[in-house]
Amino acid sequence: MLVVEALDDTPYTPTDNAVVYEADGTEPVRLAPPRDPVAEPSWVFGFSTAHLDARGRPVLVAATQVGDFWGHPDLESGTIVDVQEWC
């Protein structure tokens, strides 16, 4: 199960607010939003939403001070891949 936790607007708080849970409730991975598309990593607020694309793959949307970005989670590395600007 993929859960996007509420964004924390407190300055300098962790932004890794998307969590994957196993059926038994354990947390195998906490996903980190992409920080590469922005000049300053502190501009990344965290994930704002998640949904399935037309092929049934999860999509996560990350909110930043300079626009939103989306991509697919890599559950092995805990990162987001195929990152693109959200239009």
PDB file of N, CA and C in Angstrom:
ATOM      1  N   MET A   1       0.844  -1.162   0.000  1.00  0.00           N
ATOM      2  CA  MET A   1       0.000   0.000   0.000  1.00  0.00           C
ATOM      3  C   MET A   1       0.892   1.229   0.000  1.00  0.00           C
ATOM      4  N   LEU A   2       0.533   2.209  -0.782  1.00  0.00           N
ATOM      5  CA  LEU A   2       1.273   3.472  -0.872  1.00  0.00           C
ATOM      6  C   LEU A   2       0.452   4.559  -0.189  1.00  0.00           C
ATOM      7  N   VAL A   3       1.070   5.254   0.771  1.00  0.00           N
ATOM      8  CA  VAL A   3       0.392   6.323   1.513  1.00  0.00           C
ATOM      9  C   VAL A   3       1.201   7.604   1.372  1.00  0.00           C
ATOM     10  N   VAL A   4       0.525   8.688   1.008  1.00  0.00           N
ATOM     11  CA  VAL A   4       1.155  10.008   1.002  1.00  0.00           C
ATOM     12  C   VAL A   4       0.680  10.720   2.261  1.00  0.00           C
ATOM     13  N   GLU A   5       1.612  10.965   3.174  1.00  0.00           N
ATOM     14  CA  GLU A   5       1.286  11.646   4.424  1.00  0.00           C
ATOM     15  C   GLU A   5       1.120  13.143   4.163  1.00  0.00           C
ATOM     16  N   ALA A   6       0.451  13.821   5.067  1.00  0.00           N
ATOM     17  CA  ALA A   6       0.254  15.261   4.935  1.00  0.00           C
ATOM     18  C   ALA A   6       1.597  15.976   4.873  1.00  0.00           C
ATOM     19  N   LEU A   7       1.659  17.024   4.062  1.00  0.00           N
ATOM     20  CA  LEU A   7       2.870  17.838   3.993  1.00  0.00           C
ATOM     21  C   LEU A   7       3.045  18.605   5.294  1.00  0.00           C
ATOM     22  N   ASP A   8       4.270  18.684   5.773  1.00  0.00           N
ATOM     23  CA  ASP A   8       4.589  19.453   6.975  1.00  0.00           C
ATOM     24  C   ASP A   8       5.183  20.772   6.515  1.00  0.00           C
ATOM     25  N   ASP A   9       4.522  21.879   6.844  1.00  0.00           N
ATOM     26  CA  ASP A   9       5.011  23.172   6.368  1.00  0.00           C
ATOM     27  C   ASP A   9       6.000  23.837   7.318  1.00  0.00           C
ATOM     28  N   THR A  10       6.438  23.096   8.352  1.00  0.00           N
ATOM     29  CA  THR A  10       7.469  23.613   9.238  1.00  0.00           C
ATOM     30  C   THR A  10       8.789  23.664   8.476  1.00  0.00           C
ATOM     31  N   PRO A  11       9.497  24.793   8.512  1.00  0.00           N
ATOM     32  CA  PRO A  11      10.762  24.885   7.769  1.00  0.00           C
ATOM     33  C   PRO A  11      11.762  23.786   8.172  1.00  0.00           C
ATOM     34  N   TYR A  12      12.447  23.276   7.173  1.00  0.00           N
ATOM     35  CA  TYR A  12      13.539  22.311   7.343  1.00  0.00           C
ATOM     36  C   TYR A  12      13.089  20.996   7.961  1.00  0.00           C
ATOM     37  N   THR A  13      11.892  20.567   7.653  1.00  0.00           N
ATOM     38  CA  THR A  13      11.418  19.265   8.111  1.00  0.00           C
ATOM     39  C   THR A  13      11.621  18.253   6.989  1.00  0.00           C
ATOM     40  N   PRO A  14      11.714  16.982   7.324  1.00  0.00           N
ATOM     41  CA  PRO A  14      11.886  15.972   6.275  1.00  0.00           C
ATOM     42  C   PRO A  14      10.717  15.997   5.294  1.00  0.00           C
ATOM     43  N   THR A  15      11.012  15.802   4.034  1.00  0.00           N
ATOM     44  CA  THR A  15       9.984  15.827   3.000  1.00  0.00           C
ATOM     45  C   THR A  15       9.684  14.441   2.453  1.00  0.00           C
ATOM     46  N   ASP A  16      10.230  13.417   3.058  1.00  0.00           N
ATOM     47  CA  ASP A  16      10.012  12.045   2.589  1.00  0.00           C
ATOM     48  C   ASP A  16       8.678  11.546   3.142  1.00  0.00           C
ATOM     49  N   ASN A  17       7.566  12.065   2.595  1.00  0.00           N
ATOM     50  CA  ASN A  17       6.254  11.812   3.154  1.00  0.00           C
ATOM     51  C   ASN A  17       5.412  10.806   2.378  1.00  0.00           C
ATOM     52  N   ALA A  18       6.039   9.998   1.545  1.00  0.00           N
ATOM     53  CA  ALA A  18       5.339   8.895   0.876  1.00  0.00           C
ATOM     54  C   ALA A  18       5.932   7.595   1.409  1.00  0.00           C
ATOM     55  N   VAL A  19       5.042   6.730   1.866  1.00  0.00           N
ATOM     56  CA  VAL A  19       5.473   5.505   2.533  1.00  0.00           C
ATOM     57  C   VAL A  19       4.808   4.305   1.869  1.00  0.00           C
ATOM     58  N   VAL A  20       5.577   3.247   1.685  1.00  0.00           N
ATOM     59  CA  VAL A  20       5.041   1.983   1.194  1.00  0.00           C
ATOM     60  C   VAL A  20       4.922   1.059   2.391  1.00  0.00           C
ATOM     61  N   TYR A  21       3.740   0.471   2.570  1.00  0.00           N
ATOM     62  CA  TYR A  21       3.504  -0.470   3.663  1.00  0.00           C
ATOM     63  C   TYR A  21       3.238  -1.861   3.109  1.00  0.00           C
ATOM     64  N   GLU A  22       3.760  -2.859   3.794  1.00  0.00           N
ATOM     65  CA  GLU A  22       3.453  -4.251   3.480  1.00  0.00           C
ATOM     66  C   GLU A  22       2.093  -4.591   4.089  1.00  0.00           C
ATOM     67  N   ALA A  23       1.527  -5.747   3.729  1.00  0.00           N
ATOM     68  CA  ALA A  23       0.226  -6.166   4.247  1.00  0.00           C
ATOM     69  C   ALA A  23       0.239  -6.311   5.768  1.00  0.00           C
ATOM     70  N   ASP A  24       1.402  -6.642   6.350  1.00  0.00           N
ATOM     71  CA  ASP A  24       1.481  -6.811   7.811  1.00  0.00           C
ATOM     72  C   ASP A  24       1.722  -5.491   8.549  1.00  0.00           C
ATOM     73  N   GLY A  25       1.755  -4.367   7.823  1.00  0.00           N
ATOM     74  CA  GLY A  25       1.910  -3.060   8.446  1.00  0.00           C
ATOM     75  C   GLY A  25       3.340  -2.574   8.563  1.00  0.00           C
ATOM     76  N   THR A  26       4.305  -3.387   8.152  1.00  0.00           N
ATOM     77  CA  THR A  26       5.691  -2.934   8.209  1.00  0.00           C
ATOM     78  C   THR A  26       5.966  -1.934   7.093  1.00  0.00           C
ATOM     79  N   GLU A  27       6.941  -1.080   7.329  1.00  0.00           N
ATOM     80  CA  GLU A  27       7.310  -0.021   6.385  1.00  0.00           C
ATOM     81  C   GLU A  27       8.649  -0.377   5.741  1.00  0.00           C
ATOM     82  N   PRO A  28       8.634  -1.021   4.564  1.00  0.00           N
ATOM     83  CA  PRO A  28       9.892  -1.402   3.931  1.00  0.00           C
ATOM     84  C   PRO A  28      10.636  -0.237   3.290  1.00  0.00           C
ATOM     85  N   VAL A  29       9.891   0.800   2.868  1.00  0.00           N
ATOM     86  CA  VAL A  29      10.565   1.914   2.201  1.00  0.00           C
ATOM     87  C   VAL A  29       9.761   3.203   2.376  1.00  0.00           C
ATOM     88  N   ARG A  30      10.515   4.281   2.593  1.00  0.00           N
ATOM     89  CA  ARG A  30       9.965   5.638   2.620  1.00  0.00           C
ATOM     90  C   ARG A  30      10.573   6.334   1.410  1.00  0.00           C
ATOM     91  N   LEU A  31       9.718   6.857   0.537  1.00  0.00           N
ATOM     92  CA  LEU A  31      10.180   7.412  -0.730  1.00  0.00           C
ATOM     93  C   LEU A  31      10.619   8.863  -0.587  1.00  0.00           C
ATOM     94  N   ALA A  32      11.720   9.191  -1.223  1.00  0.00           N
ATOM     95  CA  ALA A  32      12.259  10.558  -1.216  1.00  0.00           C
ATOM     96  C   ALA A  32      11.839  11.273  -2.493  1.00  0.00           C
ATOM     97  N   PRO A  33      11.294  12.485  -2.372  1.00  0.00           N
ATOM     98  CA  PRO A  33      10.924  13.222  -3.584  1.00  0.00           C
ATOM     99  C   PRO A  33      12.161  13.623  -4.379  1.00  0.00           C
ATOM    100  N   PRO A  34      12.004  13.794  -5.676  1.00  0.00           N
ATOM    101  CA  PRO A  34      13.153  14.178  -6.499  1.00  0.00           C
ATOM    102  C   PRO A  34      13.638  15.578  -6.139  1.00  0.00           C
ATOM    103  N   ARG A  35      14.926  15.718  -5.968  1.00  0.00           N
ATOM    104  CA  ARG A  35      15.498  17.016  -5.649  1.00  0.00           C
ATOM    105  C   ARG A  35      16.337  17.560  -6.808  1.00  0.00           C
ATOM    106  N   ASP A  36      16.604  16.738  -7.797  1.00  0.00           N
ATOM    107  CA  ASP A  36      17.414  17.151  -8.948  1.00  0.00           C
ATOM    108  C   ASP A  36      16.781  18.244  -9.807  1.00  0.00           C
ATOM    109  N   PRO A  37      15.439  18.260  -9.981  1.00  0.00           N
ATOM    110  CA  PRO A  37      14.877  19.262 -10.899  1.00  0.00           C
ATOM    111  C   PRO A  37      14.939  20.695 -10.393  1.00  0.00           C
ATOM    112  N   VAL A  38      15.250  20.904  -9.134  1.00  0.00           N
ATOM    113  CA  VAL A  38      15.278  22.269  -8.588  1.00  0.00           C
ATOM    114  C   VAL A  38      16.695  22.643  -8.181  1.00  0.00           C
ATOM    115  N   ALA A  39      16.993  23.936  -8.202  1.00  0.00           N
ATOM    116  CA  ALA A  39      18.346  24.415  -7.904  1.00  0.00           C
ATOM    117  C   ALA A  39      18.703  24.242  -6.434  1.00  0.00           C
ATOM    118  N   GLU A  40      17.729  24.334  -5.555  1.00  0.00           N
ATOM    119  CA  GLU A  40      17.975  24.271  -4.112  1.00  0.00           C
ATOM    120  C   GLU A  40      17.120  23.157  -3.496  1.00  0.00           C
ATOM    121  N   PRO A  41      17.745  22.118  -2.929  1.00  0.00           N
ATOM    122  CA  PRO A  41      16.968  21.000  -2.369  1.00  0.00           C
ATOM    123  C   PRO A  41      15.937  21.424  -1.318  1.00  0.00           C
ATOM    124  N   SER A  42      16.173  22.525  -0.605  1.00  0.00           N
ATOM    125  CA  SER A  42      15.210  22.958   0.412  1.00  0.00           C
ATOM    126  C   SER A  42      13.918  23.495  -0.205  1.00  0.00           C
ATOM    127  N   TRP A  43      13.893  23.707  -1.520  1.00  0.00           N
ATOM    128  CA  TRP A  43      12.689  24.170  -2.204  1.00  0.00           C
ATOM    129  C   TRP A  43      11.662  23.051  -2.369  1.00  0.00           C
ATOM    130  N   VAL A  44      12.048  21.812  -2.109  1.00  0.00           N
ATOM    131  CA  VAL A  44      11.142  20.674  -2.263  1.00  0.00           C
ATOM    132  C   VAL A  44      10.289  20.547  -1.004  1.00  0.00           C
ATOM    133  N   PHE A  45       8.963  20.623  -1.171  1.00  0.00           N
ATOM    134  CA  PHE A  45       8.051  20.496  -0.032  1.00  0.00           C
ATOM    135  C   PHE A  45       7.781  19.041   0.316  1.00  0.00           C
ATOM    136  N   GLY A  46       7.660  18.195  -0.693  1.00  0.00           N
ATOM    137  CA  GLY A  46       7.325  16.783  -0.494  1.00  0.00           C
ATOM    138  C   GLY A  46       6.281  16.362  -1.511  1.00  0.00           C
ATOM    139  N   PHE A  47       5.753  15.175  -1.306  1.00  0.00           N
ATOM    140  CA  PHE A  47       4.746  14.652  -2.223  1.00  0.00           C
ATOM    141  C   PHE A  47       3.380  15.231  -1.889  1.00  0.00           C
ATOM    142  N   SER A  48       2.617  15.580  -2.927  1.00  0.00           N
ATOM    143  CA  SER A  48       1.281  16.129  -2.705  1.00  0.00           C
ATOM    144  C   SER A  48       0.180  15.116  -3.004  1.00  0.00           C
ATOM    145  N   THR A  49       0.452  14.166  -3.902  1.00  0.00           N
ATOM    146  CA  THR A  49      -0.577  13.182  -4.256  1.00  0.00           C
ATOM    147  C   THR A  49       0.065  11.975  -4.947  1.00  0.00           C
ATOM    148  N   ALA A  50      -0.727  10.926  -5.063  1.00  0.00           N
ATOM    149  CA  ALA A  50      -0.317   9.724  -5.800  1.00  0.00           C
ATOM    150  C   ALA A  50      -1.548   9.161  -6.503  1.00  0.00           C
ATOM    151  N   HIS A  51      -1.333   8.546  -7.644  1.00  0.00           N
ATOM    152  CA  HIS A  51      -2.415   7.893  -8.376  1.00  0.00           C
ATOM    153  C   HIS A  51      -1.806   6.837  -9.294  1.00  0.00           C
ATOM    154  N   LEU A  52      -2.659   6.062  -9.938  1.00  0.00           N
ATOM    155  CA  LEU A  52      -2.198   5.069 -10.915  1.00  0.00           C
ATOM    156  C   LEU A  52      -2.340   5.655 -12.303  1.00  0.00           C
ATOM    157  N   ASP A  53      -1.329   5.417 -13.158  1.00  0.00           N
ATOM    158  CA  ASP A  53      -1.423   5.879 -14.538  1.00  0.00           C
ATOM    159  C   ASP A  53      -2.270   4.898 -15.350  1.00  0.00           C
ATOM    160  N   ALA A  54      -2.412   5.144 -16.643  1.00  0.00           N
ATOM    161  CA  ALA A  54      -3.254   4.320 -17.513  1.00  0.00           C
ATOM    162  C   ALA A  54      -2.784   2.873 -17.589  1.00  0.00           C
ATOM    163  N   ARG A  55      -1.489   2.646 -17.302  1.00  0.00           N
ATOM    164  CA  ARG A  55      -0.941   1.281 -17.334  1.00  0.00           C
ATOM    165  C   ARG A  55      -0.953   0.618 -15.962  1.00  0.00           C
ATOM    166  N   GLY A  56      -1.527   1.315 -14.955  1.00  0.00           N
ATOM    167  CA  GLY A  56      -1.622   0.744 -13.618  1.00  0.00           C
ATOM    168  C   GLY A  56      -0.392   0.940 -12.755  1.00  0.00           C
ATOM    169  N   ARG A  57       0.549   1.776 -13.212  1.00  0.00           N
ATOM    170  CA  ARG A  57       1.765   2.033 -12.427  1.00  0.00           C
ATOM    171  C   ARG A  57       1.534   3.220 -11.502  1.00  0.00           C
ATOM    172  N   PRO A  58       2.083   3.178 -10.291  1.00  0.00           N
ATOM    173  CA  PRO A  58       1.934   4.324  -9.399  1.00  0.00           C
ATOM    174  C   PRO A  58       2.690   5.540  -9.911  1.00  0.00           C
ATOM    175  N   VAL A  59       2.083   6.709  -9.725  1.00  0.00           N
ATOM    176  CA  VAL A  59       2.672   7.997 -10.069  1.00  0.00           C
ATOM    177  C   VAL A  59       2.626   8.854  -8.813  1.00  0.00           C
ATOM    178  N   LEU A  60       3.749   9.494  -8.490  1.00  0.00           N
ATOM    179  CA  LEU A  60       3.803  10.415  -7.358  1.00  0.00           C
ATOM    180  C   LEU A  60       4.083  11.813  -7.865  1.00  0.00           C
ATOM    181  N   VAL A  61       3.401  12.801  -7.283  1.00  0.00           N
ATOM    182  CA  VAL A  61       3.599  14.200  -7.638  1.00  0.00           C
ATOM    183  C   VAL A  61       4.270  14.899  -6.466  1.00  0.00           C
ATOM    184  N   ALA A  62       5.404  15.549  -6.748  1.00  0.00           N
ATOM    185  CA  ALA A  62       6.157  16.280  -5.724  1.00  0.00           C
ATOM    186  C   ALA A  62       5.942  17.774  -5.905  1.00  0.00           C
ATOM    187  N   ALA A  63       5.650  18.453  -4.802  1.00  0.00           N
ATOM    188  CA  ALA A  63       5.445  19.897  -4.820  1.00  0.00           C
ATOM    189  C   ALA A  63       6.741  20.614  -4.461  1.00  0.00           C
ATOM    190  N   THR A  64       7.066  21.673  -5.221  1.00  0.00           N
ATOM    191  CA  THR A  64       8.259  22.474  -4.940  1.00  0.00           C
ATOM    192  C   THR A  64       7.896  23.953  -5.049  1.00  0.00           C
ATOM    193  N   GLN A  65       8.807  24.808  -4.652  1.00  0.00           N
ATOM    194  CA  GLN A  65       8.583  26.247  -4.768  1.00  0.00           C
ATOM    195  C   GLN A  65       8.582  26.729  -6.213  1.00  0.00           C
ATOM    196  N   VAL A  66       9.099  25.939  -7.133  1.00  0.00           N
ATOM    197  CA  VAL A  66       9.210  26.366  -8.530  1.00  0.00           C
ATOM    198  C   VAL A  66       8.363  25.521  -9.478  1.00  0.00           C
ATOM    199  N   GLY A  67       7.370  24.839  -8.963  1.00  0.00           N
ATOM    200  CA  GLY A  67       6.503  24.003  -9.784  1.00  0.00           C
ATOM    201  C   GLY A  67       6.514  22.563  -9.307  1.00  0.00           C
ATOM    202  N   ASP A  68       5.607  21.787  -9.822  1.00  0.00           N
ATOM    203  CA  ASP A  68       5.472  20.396  -9.410  1.00  0.00           C
ATOM    204  C   ASP A  68       6.130  19.466 -10.423  1.00  0.00           C
ATOM    205  N   PHE A  69       6.562  18.298  -9.933  1.00  0.00           N
ATOM    206  CA  PHE A  69       7.200  17.279 -10.760  1.00  0.00           C
ATOM    207  C   PHE A  69       6.574  15.938 -10.430  1.00  0.00           C
ATOM    208  N   TRP A  70       6.590  15.032 -11.396  1.00  0.00           N
ATOM    209  CA  TRP A  70       6.030  13.711 -11.166  1.00  0.00           C
ATOM    210  C   TRP A  70       6.982  12.643 -11.671  1.00  0.00           C
ATOM    211  N   GLY A  71       6.775  11.436 -11.178  1.00  0.00           N
ATOM    212  CA  GLY A  71       7.565  10.306 -11.621  1.00  0.00           C
ATOM    213  C   GLY A  71       7.038   9.017 -11.012  1.00  0.00           C
ATOM    214  N   HIS A  72       7.698   7.932 -11.336  1.00  0.00           N
ATOM    215  CA  HIS A  72       7.321   6.608 -10.849  1.00  0.00           C
ATOM    216  C   HIS A  72       8.269   6.195  -9.727  1.00  0.00           C
ATOM    217  N   PRO A  73       7.753   5.558  -8.677  1.00  0.00           N
ATOM    218  CA  PRO A  73       8.632   5.143  -7.580  1.00  0.00           C
ATOM    219  C   PRO A  73       9.483   3.932  -7.947  1.00  0.00           C
ATOM    220  N   ASP A  74      10.731   3.961  -7.514  1.00  0.00           N
ATOM    221  CA  ASP A  74      11.624   2.805  -7.585  1.00  0.00           C
ATOM    222  C   ASP A  74      11.688   2.270  -6.154  1.00  0.00           C
ATOM    223  N   LEU A  75      10.998   1.183  -5.902  1.00  0.00           N
ATOM    224  CA  LEU A  75      10.884   0.678  -4.545  1.00  0.00           C
ATOM    225  C   LEU A  75      12.179   0.093  -4.000  1.00  0.00           C
ATOM    226  N   GLU A  76      13.101  -0.251  -4.854  1.00  0.00           N
ATOM    227  CA  GLU A  76      14.395  -0.782  -4.399  1.00  0.00           C
ATOM    228  C   GLU A  76      15.267   0.326  -3.837  1.00  0.00           C
ATOM    229  N   SER A  77      15.291   1.491  -4.519  1.00  0.00           N
ATOM    230  CA  SER A  77      16.170   2.580  -4.092  1.00  0.00           C
ATOM    231  C   SER A  77      15.455   3.628  -3.233  1.00  0.00           C
ATOM    232  N   GLY A  78      14.113   3.622  -3.238  1.00  0.00           N
ATOM    233  CA  GLY A  78      13.361   4.625  -2.500  1.00  0.00           C
ATOM    234  C   GLY A  78      13.360   5.979  -3.173  1.00  0.00           C
ATOM    235  N   THR A  79      13.631   5.999  -4.471  1.00  0.00           N
ATOM    236  CA  THR A  79      13.672   7.253  -5.224  1.00  0.00           C
ATOM    237  C   THR A  79      12.565   7.278  -6.268  1.00  0.00           C
ATOM    238  N   ILE A  80      12.454   8.403  -6.944  1.00  0.00           N
ATOM    239  CA  ILE A  80      11.484   8.560  -8.014  1.00  0.00           C
ATOM    240  C   ILE A  80      12.259   8.638  -9.326  1.00  0.00           C
ATOM    241  N   VAL A  81      11.802   7.862 -10.313  1.00  0.00           N
ATOM    242  CA  VAL A  81      12.492   7.813 -11.606  1.00  0.00           C
ATOM    243  C   VAL A  81      11.571   8.363 -12.692  1.00  0.00           C
ATOM    244  N   ASP A  82      12.143   8.596 -13.864  1.00  0.00           N
ATOM    245  CA  ASP A  82      11.383   9.143 -14.992  1.00  0.00           C
ATOM    246  C   ASP A  82      10.728  10.475 -14.610  1.00  0.00           C
ATOM    247  N   VAL A  83      11.456  11.317 -13.891  1.00  0.00           N
ATOM    248  CA  VAL A  83      10.911  12.576 -13.362  1.00  0.00           C
ATOM    249  C   VAL A  83      10.671  13.573 -14.501  1.00  0.00           C
ATOM    250  N   GLN A  84       9.483  14.164 -14.488  1.00  0.00           N
ATOM    251  CA  GLN A  84       9.087  15.142 -15.480  1.00  0.00           C
ATOM    252  C   GLN A  84       8.320  16.268 -14.814  1.00  0.00           C
ATOM    253  N   GLU A  85       8.289  17.421 -15.463  1.00  0.00           N
ATOM    254  CA  GLU A  85       7.529  18.549 -14.940  1.00  0.00           C
ATOM    255  C   GLU A  85       6.036  18.243 -15.046  1.00  0.00           C
ATOM    256  N   TRP A  86       5.316  18.537 -13.964  1.00  0.00           N
ATOM    257  CA  TRP A  86       3.862  18.346 -13.948  1.00  0.00           C
ATOM    258  C   TRP A  86       3.220  19.539 -14.635  1.00  0.00           C
ATOM    259  N   CYS A  87       2.466  19.290 -15.692  1.00  0.00           N
ATOM    260  CA  CYS A  87       1.860  20.399 -16.450  1.00  0.00           C
ATOM    261  C   CYS A  87       0.385  20.479 -16.209  1.00  0.00           C
TER     262      CYS A  87
END
